[in-house]
C-alpha atoms as a PDB file:
ATOM      1  CA  MET A   1      84.104  93.675  98.359  1.00  0.00           C
ATOM      2  CA  PRO A   2      84.028  95.911 101.459  1.00  0.00           C
ATOM      3  CA  PRO A   3      87.331  97.008 102.955  1.00  0.00           C
ATOM      4  CA  ALA A   4      88.736  94.706 105.646  1.00  0.00           C
ATOM      5  CA  GLY A   5      91.338  97.082 106.846  1.00  0.00           C
ATOM      6  CA  ARG A   6      93.728  99.866 106.059  1.00  0.00           C
ATOM      7  CA  LEU A   7      97.324  99.884 105.027  1.00  0.00           C
ATOM      8  CA  ASN A   8      99.204 103.116 105.899  1.00  0.00           C
ATOM      9  CA  VAL A   9     102.242 103.877 103.771  1.00  0.00           C
ATOM     10  CA  LYS A  10     104.771 106.656 104.611  1.00  0.00           C
ATOM     11  CA  VAL A  11     107.320 107.736 102.022  1.00  0.00           C
ATOM     12  CA  LEU A  12     110.101 109.680 103.690  1.00  0.00           C
ATOM     13  CA  CYS A  13     112.471 110.666 100.968  1.00  0.00           C
ATOM     14  CA  GLY A  14     114.218 109.873  97.704  1.00  0.00           C
ATOM     15  CA  ARG A  15     117.959 109.202  97.389  1.00  0.00           C
ATOM     16  CA  ARG A  16     120.189 109.712  94.464  1.00  0.00           C
ATOM     17  CA  LEU A  17     117.453 110.288  91.853  1.00  0.00           C
ATOM     18  CA  ARG A  18     118.582 110.842  88.373  1.00  0.00           C
ATOM     19  CA  ASP A  19     119.728 114.412  87.832  1.00  0.00           C
ATOM     20  CA  THR A  20     117.655 115.932  84.966  1.00  0.00           C
ATOM     21  CA  THR A  21     118.336 119.581  85.707  1.00  0.00           C
ATOM     22  CA  TYR A  22     120.395 119.866  82.481  1.00  0.00           C
ATOM     23  CA  ILE A  23     117.364 118.836  80.452  1.00  0.00           C
ATOM     24  CA  ILE A  24     114.321 120.484  82.114  1.00  0.00           C
ATOM     25  CA  GLY A  25     115.818 122.911  84.634  1.00  0.00           C
ATOM     26  CA  SER A  26     114.885 122.445  88.313  1.00  0.00           C
ATOM     27  CA  GLN A  27     113.542 119.143  89.456  1.00  0.00           C
ATOM     28  CA  ASN A  28     110.215 118.889  91.262  1.00  0.00           C
ATOM     29  CA  PRO A  29     109.944 115.165  91.963  1.00  0.00           C
ATOM     30  CA  TYR A  30     106.859 113.429  93.315  1.00  0.00           C
ATOM     31  CA  VAL A  31     105.910 109.896  94.325  1.00  0.00           C
ATOM     32  CA  VAL A  32     103.210 107.688  92.790  1.00  0.00           C
ATOM     33  CA  LEU A  33     101.966 104.649  94.815  1.00  0.00           C
ATOM     34  CA  LYS A  34      99.725 102.014  93.377  1.00  0.00           C
ATOM     35  CA  LEU A  35      98.009  99.188  95.247  1.00  0.00           C
ATOM     36  CA  GLY A  36      95.597  97.259  93.049  1.00  0.00           C
ATOM     37  CA  GLN A  37      93.375  99.837  91.362  1.00  0.00           C
ATOM     38  CA  GLN A  38      94.136 102.554  94.016  1.00  0.00           C
ATOM     39  CA  VAL A  39      96.624 105.278  93.033  1.00  0.00           C
ATOM     40  CA  LYS A  40      98.024 107.896  95.389  1.00  0.00           C
ATOM     41  CA  ARG A  41     100.332 110.773  94.384  1.00  0.00           C
ATOM     42  CA  SER A  42     102.380 113.121  96.640  1.00  0.00           C
ATOM     43  CA  ASP A  43     102.702 116.797  96.091  1.00  0.00           C
ATOM     44  CA  PRO A  44     105.846 117.669  94.168  1.00  0.00           C
ATOM     45  CA  HIS A  45     108.892 118.616  96.188  1.00  0.00           C
ATOM     46  CA  GLU A  46     109.743 122.042  94.835  1.00  0.00           C
ATOM     47  CA  ASP A  47     113.386 122.125  93.754  1.00  0.00           C
ATOM     48  CA  GLY A  48     113.806 118.757  95.463  1.00  0.00           C
ATOM     49  CA  GLY A  49     116.794 117.862  93.406  1.00  0.00           C
ATOM     50  CA  ILE A  50     118.218 114.373  93.591  1.00  0.00           C
ATOM     51  CA  ASN A  51     117.535 113.928  97.348  1.00  0.00           C
ATOM     52  CA  PRO A  52     113.913 115.144  97.909  1.00  0.00           C
ATOM     53  CA  VAL A  53     112.112 114.824 101.248  1.00  0.00           C
ATOM     54  CA  TRP A  54     108.332 114.226 101.185  1.00  0.00           C
ATOM     55  CA  ASN A  55     107.201 112.744 104.562  1.00  0.00           C
ATOM     56  CA  PHE A  56     104.124 111.692 102.567  1.00  0.00           C
ATOM     57  CA  ASP A  57     101.554 109.550 104.583  1.00  0.00           C
ATOM     58  CA  THR A  58      98.660 107.982 102.819  1.00  0.00           C
ATOM     59  CA  PRO A  59      96.131 105.181 103.557  1.00  0.00           C
ATOM     60  CA  PHE A  60      95.103 102.365 101.255  1.00  0.00           C
ATOM     61  CA  SER A  61      91.926 100.317 101.712  1.00  0.00           C
ATOM     62  CA  VAL A  62      92.616  96.582 101.902  1.00  0.00           C
ATOM     63  CA  SER A  63      89.925  94.017 101.006  1.00  0.00           C
ATOM     64  CA  SER A  64      89.605  90.676 102.657  1.00  0.00           C
ATOM     65  CA  GLY A  65      90.133  87.556 100.626  1.00  0.00           C
ATOM     66  CA  ILE A  66      92.738  89.065  98.355  1.00  0.00           C
ATOM     67  CA  MET A  67      95.873  86.915  98.468  1.00  0.00           C
ATOM     68  CA  ARG A  68      97.968  88.741  95.878  1.00  0.00           C
ATOM     69  CA  THR A  69      97.635  92.398  95.065  1.00  0.00           C
ATOM     70  CA  PRO A  70      99.925  94.104  92.517  1.00  0.00           C
ATOM     71  CA  TYR A  71     101.721  97.198  93.851  1.00  0.00           C
ATOM     72  CA  ALA A  72     104.151  99.773  92.523  1.00  0.00           C
ATOM     73  CA  VAL A  73     106.175 102.706  93.783  1.00  0.00           C
END
């Protein structure tokens, strides 16, 4: 099915992520977004800690006729 439009998603930041520095050292968190079969991943925020900032912008193609599409962040 051809794309009917585009959904732009912007992830600004993370807040109060679990602190894992005692296990693996510095944290380099990243974001994974899923819409249907499409998967987008941000670059890791180097030493982002528990409050990383990404300002990650990404487009998703949206097909017409789809009433429900699974998504995950």
